[in-house]
Amino acid sequence: MVVGEASRRLYERALTLFPGGVNSPVRAAVRPYPFYVERAEGPYIYTVDGARLVDLVLAYGPLILGHRHPRVVEAVLRQVERGWLYGAPYELEVRLAEKILSHVKPGGKVRFVNSGTEATMTAIRLARGYTGRKRIVKFDGCYHGAHDAVLVAAGSAAAEYGVPSSAGVPEEVASLTLVVPYNDVEAVEEVMRRHGDDVAAIIVEPVAANMGVVPPRRGFLEALRRLADEYGALLIFDEVVTGFRIALGGAQQYYGVRADVVVLGKVIGGGMPIGAVVADAKIMDNLTPAGKVFNAGTFNAHPLAMAAGLATIEVLETTDALARASRAAKAIAEVLEDALRARGVEHTVNRVESMFQVFFTEGPVETPEQARRSRREVYARLHEELLRRGVFVAPSQFEAVFTASVHDSAEVLEQVEGAVREAARALPGGGTG
């Protein structure tokens, strides 16, 4: 059993310890309660209830090589033997920074932090300090972490000031964030006409990976580059998800659009907590101690994260791991589409390399509004049916399904295909399957 008695007992204890029983909300979305993991290896996670699951969540993206890749294990153990926290500089942070910059921003500089949230928070503060302006533009449907400036929803109309999307976020803070629809160039142009002289930065997920998977329309990212240049704002690409996943150079390379600031996380830590801000030296040198924009952290550039990240990127550079992960995603997405068509279930599948998501709505899905039309109850049923058959996909419609290089094997793909076809037949639909 996937979610069994051992998990239930642990969850009951957790409910007395953690708000909602978990330490990140999406973990509570597995019904009737979360399963608990005993261990993981390659493409699989093993639960305390004795189940083996093909893991297509991959900790929501970081594990591009799968669980416990030998090169990463070796690097982390070697670092543990040398110590795991110093509070002083050391060689690995230099080496990882050189690797990242060579692909993302040659000649630039990096500041390592500990999460994507910290990285976007630092990038926005940096943009404000660099430009001397207060406002930022973000997009409905893009997620940039859990800090006040970006926990903001659209107001009563496009081009309105943002409003808090979480209790505890002051309206005064939210009002400095202008929220416009993702993939809507005209809306961005209107906002910039009205407020561009006080906009420090336009921040965007190049692929809206926290609204399912919604790729940019042709010309959208190019328009953001043009508008940022026209009004003297910085363009920030939040590549916490896409960085070193859709290409070694991330979305900048994949879509051919340059960002002023790139925010990274997930893959660059090899599964360890990490975040990074990357930009040209003239921007980065505004951070302390070189400049006046403050950032500090006891765990910045943590040795274990540096070791795991460096090993991961070296594997990506020297093997076809990215191509294998993308092939696996393509194969699974095609099986899913075929199975849903056979069942007569209305759907759309969006995929960008090794990340995809299915929406139970008539396509295309190019905006958050279109994504929200997906019948979430059908997605929840698909998640449950796949889990019963040993395949773990994100329990939330608005997360992505991820693949790793280790999923590109006949054994894994055969198991996933069988589970997908059986799960599709269990969905309400108009076909015979």
Protein backbone atom coordinates (compact mmCIF):
# COMPACT_ATOMS: atom_id res chain seq x y z
CA MET A 1 0.00 0.00 0.00
CA VAL A 2 1.35 3.43 -0.96
CA VAL A 3 -0.31 5.43 1.81
CA GLY A 4 -0.69 2.98 4.64
CA GLU A 5 -0.74 2.56 8.37
CA ALA A 6 2.88 3.57 8.99
CA SER A 7 2.36 6.85 7.13
CA ARG A 8 -0.92 7.46 8.94
CA ARG A 9 0.74 7.11 12.34
CA LEU A 10 3.53 9.49 11.37
CA TYR A 11 1.04 12.01 9.99
CA GLU A 12 -0.99 11.96 13.19
CA ARG A 13 2.17 12.77 15.14
CA ALA A 14 3.08 15.48 12.60
CA LEU A 15 -0.31 17.17 13.01
CA THR A 16 0.60 17.90 16.63
CA LEU A 17 3.98 19.35 15.61
CA PHE A 18 3.63 21.27 12.34
CA PRO A 19 0.92 23.60 10.98
CA GLY A 20 -1.25 21.36 8.83
CA GLY A 21 1.12 18.49 9.61
CA VAL A 22 3.73 19.51 7.01
CA ASN A 23 6.55 21.97 6.44
CA SER A 24 5.51 23.05 2.94
CA PRO A 25 1.84 23.23 1.93
CA VAL A 26 1.88 21.11 -1.24
CA ARG A 27 3.06 18.10 0.78
CA ALA A 28 -0.37 17.97 2.40
CA ALA A 29 -2.10 17.63 -0.97
CA VAL A 30 -1.63 13.84 -1.14
CA ARG A 31 -4.91 12.25 0.04
CA PRO A 32 -6.08 11.04 2.46
CA TYR A 33 -2.77 12.00 4.03
CA PRO A 34 0.84 12.21 2.85
CA PHE A 35 2.95 9.11 2.42
CA TYR A 36 6.29 9.16 4.22
CA VAL A 37 9.53 8.31 2.47
CA GLU A 38 11.97 5.75 3.82
CA ARG A 39 14.66 6.13 1.16
CA ALA A 40 15.24 6.90 -2.52
CA GLU A 41 17.43 5.55 -5.31
CA GLY A 42 17.68 6.46 -8.99
CA PRO A 43 14.17 6.98 -10.40
CA TYR A 44 12.43 5.56 -7.31
CA ILE A 45 11.32 6.56 -3.85
CA TYR A 46 10.40 3.94 -1.26
CA THR A 47 7.73 4.61 1.33
CA VAL A 48 7.56 3.56 4.97
CA ASP A 49 4.52 1.49 3.94
CA GLY A 50 6.64 -0.68 1.64
CA ALA A 51 5.75 0.86 -1.73
CA ARG A 52 8.18 1.64 -4.53
CA LEU A 53 7.19 4.66 -6.62
CA VAL A 54 8.54 6.03 -9.89
CA ASP A 55 9.27 9.60 -8.80
CA LEU A 56 8.12 12.19 -11.33
CA VAL A 57 8.15 14.95 -8.72
CA LEU A 58 11.89 14.88 -8.00
CA ALA A 59 11.54 17.21 -5.01
CA TYR A 60 9.79 19.66 -7.39
CA GLY A 61 12.65 19.85 -9.81
CA PRO A 62 16.17 19.80 -8.34
CA LEU A 63 17.05 16.14 -8.97
CA ILE A 64 17.84 16.25 -12.69
CA LEU A 65 20.06 13.16 -12.26
CA GLY A 66 17.61 11.28 -10.05
CA HIS A 67 18.16 10.22 -6.45
CA ARG A 68 21.60 9.45 -5.05
CA HIS A 69 23.57 9.79 -8.26
CA PRO A 70 26.98 8.19 -7.56
CA ARG A 71 28.99 11.28 -8.55
CA VAL A 72 26.92 13.49 -6.26
CA VAL A 73 27.07 11.01 -3.38
CA GLU A 74 30.84 10.79 -3.73
CA ALA A 75 31.24 14.57 -3.77
CA VAL A 76 29.05 15.10 -0.71
CA LEU A 77 30.71 12.35 1.33
CA ARG A 78 34.14 13.69 0.44
CA GLN A 79 33.08 17.13 1.63
CA VAL A 80 31.55 15.76 4.86
CA GLU A 81 34.91 14.22 5.69
CA ARG A 82 36.47 17.69 5.38
CA GLY A 83 33.78 19.48 7.40
CA TRP A 84 30.40 20.89 6.42
CA LEU A 85 30.30 24.48 7.66
CA TYR A 86 33.13 26.98 8.01
CA GLY A 87 31.88 30.55 8.00
CA ALA A 88 34.88 31.31 5.79
CA PRO A 89 35.58 31.10 2.05
CA TYR A 90 36.85 27.91 0.41
CA GLU A 91 37.65 26.57 -3.04
CA LEU A 92 34.41 24.82 -4.00
CA GLU A 93 32.38 28.03 -4.01
CA VAL A 94 34.85 29.52 -6.48
CA ARG A 95 34.69 26.48 -8.73
CA LEU A 96 30.89 26.28 -8.73
CA ALA A 97 30.60 30.01 -9.45
CA GLU A 98 32.97 29.66 -12.41
CA LYS A 99 30.87 26.79 -13.79
CA ILE A 100 27.61 28.68 -13.43
CA LEU A 101 28.95 31.90 -14.92
CA SER A 102 30.47 30.12 -17.90
CA HIS A 103 26.98 29.03 -18.95
CA VAL A 104 24.70 31.78 -17.62
CA LYS A 105 26.60 35.09 -17.54
CA PRO A 106 30.23 35.00 -18.74
CA GLY A 107 32.20 37.76 -17.03
CA GLY A 108 29.51 38.27 -14.41
CA LYS A 109 29.37 37.59 -10.70
CA VAL A 110 27.31 35.41 -8.33
CA ARG A 111 25.91 35.67 -4.82
CA PHE A 112 24.98 32.31 -3.31
CA VAL A 113 22.07 32.13 -0.87
CA ASN A 114 20.02 29.24 0.48
CA SER A 115 16.75 29.07 -1.46
CA GLY A 116 14.93 30.39 -4.46
CA THR A 117 12.91 32.64 -2.17
CA GLU A 118 16.08 34.22 -0.77
CA ALA A 119 17.45 34.61 -4.28
CA THR A 120 14.43 36.45 -5.72
CA MET A 121 14.21 38.60 -2.59
CA THR A 122 17.87 39.56 -3.00
CA ALA A 123 17.48 40.14 -6.75
CA ILE A 124 14.57 42.54 -6.22
CA ARG A 125 16.42 44.43 -3.46
CA LEU A 126 19.46 44.61 -5.73
CA ALA A 127 17.37 45.97 -8.62
CA ARG A 128 15.89 48.64 -6.38
CA GLY A 129 19.29 49.60 -5.04
CA TYR A 130 20.83 49.67 -8.50
CA THR A 131 18.10 51.74 -10.15
CA GLY A 132 16.98 53.87 -7.20
CA ARG A 133 13.37 52.95 -8.00
CA LYS A 134 10.65 51.30 -5.89
CA ARG A 135 8.21 49.37 -8.08
CA ILE A 136 8.49 45.95 -9.66
CA VAL A 137 6.38 44.28 -12.32
CA LYS A 138 5.48 40.63 -11.87
CA PHE A 139 3.09 38.33 -13.69
CA ASP A 140 -0.07 36.62 -12.60
CA GLY A 141 0.69 32.91 -12.54
CA CYS A 142 4.42 33.26 -11.87
CA TYR A 143 5.71 32.22 -8.45
CA HIS A 144 8.85 33.80 -7.06
CA GLY A 145 8.98 32.44 -3.54
CA ALA A 146 7.40 33.29 -0.22
CA HIS A 147 8.44 36.87 0.59
CA ASP A 148 6.27 39.96 0.83
CA ALA A 149 7.15 41.67 -2.45
CA VAL A 150 5.99 38.71 -4.56
CA LEU A 151 3.11 37.28 -2.49
CA VAL A 152 0.92 39.64 -4.44
CA ALA A 153 -2.11 39.03 -6.65
CA ALA A 154 -3.67 41.11 -9.40
CA GLY A 155 -5.91 43.98 -8.37
CA SER A 156 -9.33 44.78 -9.81
CA ALA A 157 -7.93 45.23 -13.33
CA ALA A 158 -4.77 44.57 -15.30
CA ALA A 159 -2.36 47.46 -14.71
CA GLU A 160 -3.70 47.88 -11.18
CA TYR A 161 -1.53 47.93 -8.08
CA GLY A 162 -1.13 44.50 -6.57
CA VAL A 163 -2.96 43.30 -3.48
CA PRO A 164 -1.67 40.86 -0.84
CA SER A 165 -2.25 37.18 -1.62
CA SER A 166 -1.30 36.13 1.91
CA ALA A 167 -2.28 37.30 5.34
CA GLY A 168 0.58 39.18 6.94
CA VAL A 169 1.65 41.04 3.79
CA PRO A 170 1.03 44.79 4.31
CA GLU A 171 -1.00 46.49 1.60
CA GLU A 172 1.66 49.20 1.48
CA VAL A 173 4.23 46.60 0.40
CA ALA A 174 1.91 44.94 -2.10
CA SER A 175 1.10 48.29 -3.70
CA LEU A 176 4.69 48.55 -4.94
CA THR A 177 4.21 45.39 -7.03
CA LEU A 178 2.37 45.77 -10.33
CA VAL A 179 0.76 42.52 -11.48
CA VAL A 180 -0.05 41.84 -15.13
CA PRO A 181 -1.15 38.71 -17.00
CA TYR A 182 1.61 36.37 -18.14
CA ASN A 183 2.05 36.27 -21.92
CA ASP A 184 0.15 39.57 -22.39
CA VAL A 185 2.52 42.07 -24.03
CA GLU A 186 -0.10 44.81 -24.32
CA ALA A 187 -0.77 44.72 -20.59
CA VAL A 188 2.94 45.08 -19.84
CA GLU A 189 3.22 47.97 -22.28
CA GLU A 190 0.30 49.73 -20.58
CA VAL A 191 1.82 49.27 -17.10
CA MET A 192 5.16 50.57 -18.28
CA ARG A 193 3.58 53.60 -19.96
CA ARG A 194 1.93 54.51 -16.68
CA HIS A 195 4.64 53.55 -14.20
CA GLY A 196 7.81 52.72 -16.15
CA ASP A 197 9.84 55.63 -14.77
CA ASP A 198 9.52 54.13 -11.28
CA VAL A 199 9.89 50.44 -12.19
CA ALA A 200 13.12 48.92 -10.90
CA ALA A 201 12.62 45.51 -12.47
CA ILE A 202 10.40 43.24 -14.47
CA ILE A 203 10.60 39.77 -12.92
CA VAL A 204 9.30 36.73 -14.77
CA GLU A 205 9.51 32.96 -14.85
CA PRO A 206 10.50 32.50 -18.50
CA VAL A 207 8.37 29.35 -18.38
CA ALA A 208 5.53 29.68 -15.89
CA ALA A 209 6.40 26.48 -14.07
CA ASN A 210 4.26 27.15 -11.03
CA MET A 211 1.06 27.36 -13.07
CA GLY A 212 1.52 23.86 -14.38
CA VAL A 213 3.84 24.41 -17.33
CA VAL A 214 2.95 27.44 -19.46
CA PRO A 215 5.61 28.37 -22.05
CA PRO A 216 6.12 31.94 -23.27
CA ARG A 217 4.32 32.96 -26.43
CA ARG A 218 6.53 33.83 -29.37
CA GLY A 219 7.85 37.35 -28.85
CA PHE A 220 6.79 37.68 -25.19
CA LEU A 221 10.25 37.50 -23.62
CA GLU A 222 11.68 39.65 -26.40
CA ALA A 223 9.04 42.29 -25.62
CA LEU A 224 10.03 42.27 -21.94
CA ARG A 225 13.66 42.83 -22.95
CA ARG A 226 12.65 45.74 -25.17
CA LEU A 227 10.45 47.37 -22.51
CA ALA A 228 13.08 46.99 -19.80
CA ASP A 229 15.61 48.71 -22.03
CA GLU A 230 13.18 51.44 -23.05
CA TYR A 231 12.33 52.40 -19.48
CA GLY A 232 15.67 51.72 -17.79
CA ALA A 233 14.43 48.81 -15.70
CA LEU A 234 16.25 45.53 -15.09
CA LEU A 235 14.88 42.30 -16.55
CA ILE A 236 15.04 39.47 -14.01
CA PHE A 237 14.63 35.88 -15.18
CA ASP A 238 13.56 33.65 -12.31
CA GLU A 239 15.20 30.43 -13.46
CA VAL A 240 14.95 28.55 -10.19
CA VAL A 241 13.11 25.84 -12.14
CA THR A 242 14.43 26.22 -15.70
CA GLY A 243 18.09 26.89 -14.91
CA PHE A 244 20.31 23.95 -15.93
CA ARG A 245 17.15 21.95 -16.72
CA ILE A 246 15.92 23.11 -20.13
CA ALA A 247 19.50 23.90 -21.22
CA LEU A 248 22.88 24.44 -19.58
CA GLY A 249 22.40 28.15 -20.24
CA GLY A 250 18.80 28.02 -19.07
CA ALA A 251 16.01 30.02 -20.66
CA GLN A 252 18.41 32.72 -21.88
CA GLN A 253 20.06 30.15 -24.12
CA TYR A 254 16.87 28.24 -24.93
CA TYR A 255 14.84 31.27 -26.01
CA GLY A 256 17.70 33.53 -27.10
CA VAL A 257 16.79 36.42 -24.80
CA ARG A 258 19.26 38.06 -22.41
CA ALA A 259 18.26 38.92 -18.86
CA ASP A 260 20.04 41.50 -16.71
CA VAL A 261 19.70 39.34 -13.60
CA VAL A 262 19.21 35.58 -13.44
CA VAL A 263 17.93 33.85 -10.32
CA LEU A 264 18.90 30.20 -9.90
CA GLY A 265 18.19 27.38 -7.45
CA LYS A 266 17.13 23.73 -7.44
CA VAL A 267 19.41 21.96 -10.00
CA ILE A 268 22.52 24.00 -9.16
CA GLY A 269 22.49 22.55 -5.64
CA GLY A 270 22.16 18.93 -6.71
CA GLY A 271 19.35 18.46 -4.18
CA MET A 272 20.87 20.55 -1.41
CA PRO A 273 19.35 23.88 -0.28
CA ILE A 274 20.62 26.66 -2.53
CA GLY A 275 19.79 29.84 -4.39
CA ALA A 276 21.90 32.20 -6.47
CA VAL A 277 21.72 35.66 -8.00
CA VAL A 278 23.73 36.16 -11.20
CA ALA A 279 24.34 39.43 -13.08
CA ASP A 280 27.04 41.56 -14.67
CA ALA A 281 29.65 42.90 -12.27
CA LYS A 282 28.35 46.49 -12.51
CA ILE A 283 25.08 45.27 -10.99
CA MET A 284 26.40 42.66 -8.58
CA ASP A 285 29.02 44.97 -7.10
CA ASN A 286 26.19 46.90 -5.48
CA LEU A 287 25.85 44.03 -2.97
CA THR A 288 27.67 44.21 0.34
CA PRO A 289 30.54 44.30 1.05
CA ALA A 290 31.35 45.89 -2.33
CA GLY A 291 28.25 48.09 -2.32
CA LYS A 292 25.36 49.25 -0.15
CA VAL A 293 22.65 46.65 -0.93
CA PHE A 294 22.68 44.30 2.03
CA ASN A 295 22.80 40.53 1.86
CA ALA A 296 24.38 38.10 4.31
CA GLY A 297 23.83 34.54 5.52
CA THR A 298 25.50 32.05 7.80
CA PHE A 299 24.73 29.27 5.33
CA ASN A 300 25.41 31.16 2.08
CA ALA A 301 27.58 28.99 -0.19
CA HIS A 302 27.14 26.00 2.11
CA PRO A 303 29.92 23.47 1.48
CA LEU A 304 27.60 20.51 0.93
CA ALA A 305 25.48 22.44 -1.56
CA MET A 306 28.61 23.58 -3.39
CA ALA A 307 29.89 20.00 -3.60
CA ALA A 308 26.58 18.53 -4.77
CA GLY A 309 25.97 21.35 -7.25
CA LEU A 310 29.44 21.19 -8.76
CA ALA A 311 29.20 17.41 -9.22
CA THR A 312 25.76 17.74 -10.82
CA ILE A 313 26.83 20.37 -13.33
CA GLU A 314 29.96 18.40 -14.22
CA VAL A 315 27.75 15.40 -15.05
CA LEU A 316 25.45 17.60 -17.13
CA GLU A 317 28.45 19.00 -19.02
CA THR A 318 30.06 15.66 -19.77
CA THR A 319 27.08 13.36 -20.48
CA ASP A 320 23.77 13.42 -22.35
CA ALA A 321 21.82 13.63 -19.09
CA LEU A 322 19.74 16.62 -20.17
CA ALA A 323 18.81 14.97 -23.46
CA ARG A 324 17.87 11.74 -21.68
CA ALA A 325 15.66 13.59 -19.21
CA SER A 326 13.93 15.36 -22.09
CA ARG A 327 13.44 12.12 -24.03
CA ALA A 328 11.79 10.56 -20.99
CA ALA A 329 9.42 13.50 -20.59
CA LYS A 330 8.52 13.41 -24.28
CA ALA A 331 7.78 9.69 -24.14
CA ILE A 332 5.60 9.96 -21.02
CA ALA A 333 3.75 13.02 -22.29
CA GLU A 334 2.97 11.27 -25.59
CA VAL A 335 1.65 8.18 -23.79
CA LEU A 336 -0.48 10.37 -21.55
CA GLU A 337 -1.96 12.23 -24.52
CA ASP A 338 -2.68 8.98 -26.35
CA ALA A 339 -4.35 7.40 -23.30
CA LEU A 340 -6.53 10.43 -22.62
CA ARG A 341 -7.58 10.66 -26.27
CA ALA A 342 -8.56 7.00 -26.21
CA ARG A 343 -10.67 7.65 -23.14
CA GLY A 344 -12.26 10.72 -24.71
CA VAL A 345 -11.06 13.05 -21.97
CA GLU A 346 -10.69 16.69 -22.97
CA HIS A 347 -7.12 17.74 -22.22
CA THR A 348 -4.03 19.73 -23.20
CA VAL A 349 -0.43 18.75 -22.44
CA ASN A 350 2.25 21.46 -22.28
CA ARG A 351 5.90 20.38 -22.30
CA VAL A 352 9.22 22.19 -22.29
CA GLU A 353 12.06 19.65 -22.43
CA SER A 354 12.06 17.64 -19.17
CA MET A 355 9.04 19.32 -17.58
CA PHE A 356 5.39 18.99 -18.53
CA GLN A 357 1.85 19.14 -17.22
CA VAL A 358 -1.61 18.05 -18.34
CA PHE A 359 -4.58 20.39 -18.14
CA PHE A 360 -8.11 19.01 -18.31
CA THR A 361 -9.46 21.72 -20.55
CA GLU A 362 -9.64 22.44 -24.25
CA GLY A 363 -6.38 23.93 -25.47
CA PRO A 364 -4.31 25.85 -25.93
CA VAL A 365 -3.17 26.75 -22.41
CA GLU A 366 -1.03 29.87 -22.80
CA THR A 367 -2.17 32.00 -19.87
CA PRO A 368 -2.81 31.45 -16.16
CA GLU A 369 -6.50 32.15 -16.77
CA GLN A 370 -6.65 29.29 -19.28
CA ALA A 371 -4.73 27.04 -16.89
CA ARG A 372 -7.21 27.76 -14.10
CA ARG A 373 -10.04 26.43 -16.27
CA SER A 374 -8.57 22.95 -15.94
CA ARG A 375 -10.88 20.56 -14.12
CA ARG A 376 -8.81 20.14 -11.03
CA GLU A 377 -10.97 17.33 -9.71
CA VAL A 378 -9.99 15.25 -12.76
CA TYR A 379 -6.32 16.03 -12.22
CA ALA A 380 -6.65 15.01 -8.56
CA ARG A 381 -8.20 11.72 -9.68
CA LEU A 382 -5.36 11.13 -12.15
CA HIS A 383 -2.82 11.77 -9.40
CA GLU A 384 -4.56 9.29 -7.10
CA GLU A 385 -4.90 6.61 -9.78
CA LEU A 386 -1.23 6.92 -10.77
CA LEU A 387 -0.13 6.78 -7.15
CA ARG A 388 -2.08 3.55 -6.67
CA ARG A 389 -0.15 2.13 -9.61
CA GLY A 390 3.27 3.16 -8.34
CA VAL A 391 3.83 6.50 -10.12
CA PHE A 392 4.16 9.73 -8.15
CA VAL A 393 3.28 12.95 -9.96
CA ALA A 394 2.72 16.35 -8.38
CA PRO A 395 -0.49 16.35 -6.31
CA SER A 396 -1.24 19.93 -7.42
CA GLN A 397 -2.50 20.80 -10.90
CA PHE A 398 -0.32 23.90 -10.81
CA GLU A 399 3.02 22.18 -10.27
CA ALA A 400 5.09 20.56 -13.00
CA VAL A 401 5.81 16.92 -13.71
CA PHE A 402 9.59 16.45 -13.92
CA THR A 403 11.81 13.77 -15.37
CA ALA A 404 15.46 12.96 -14.71
CA SER A 405 18.07 11.25 -16.83
CA VAL A 406 17.40 7.98 -14.95
CA HIS A 407 13.82 7.85 -16.23
CA ASP A 408 15.05 7.22 -19.76
CA SER A 409 15.18 3.45 -19.43
CA ALA A 410 12.94 0.79 -20.94
CA GLU A 411 12.03 -0.62 -17.51
CA VAL A 412 10.94 2.71 -16.03
CA LEU A 413 9.11 3.90 -19.14
CA GLU A 414 7.28 0.58 -19.47
CA GLN A 415 6.08 0.82 -15.88
CA VAL A 416 4.97 4.42 -16.31
CA GLU A 417 3.19 3.66 -19.59
CA GLY A 418 1.22 0.83 -18.03
CA ALA A 419 0.25 2.98 -15.06
CA VAL A 420 -0.78 5.91 -17.27
CA ARG A 421 -2.98 3.79 -19.51
CA GLU A 422 -4.71 2.12 -16.57
CA ALA A 423 -5.14 5.42 -14.73
CA ALA A 424 -6.65 7.06 -17.82
CA ARG A 425 -9.25 4.29 -18.09
CA ALA A 426 -10.29 5.08 -14.50
CA LEU A 427 -11.06 8.72 -15.34
CA PRO A 428 -14.55 9.93 -16.27
CA GLY A 429 -14.60 10.36 -20.04
CA GLY A 430 -16.49 9.89 -23.25
CA GLY A 431 -14.40 7.12 -24.83
CA THR A 432 -14.16 3.39 -24.31
CA GLY A 433 -10.42 3.36 -23.60
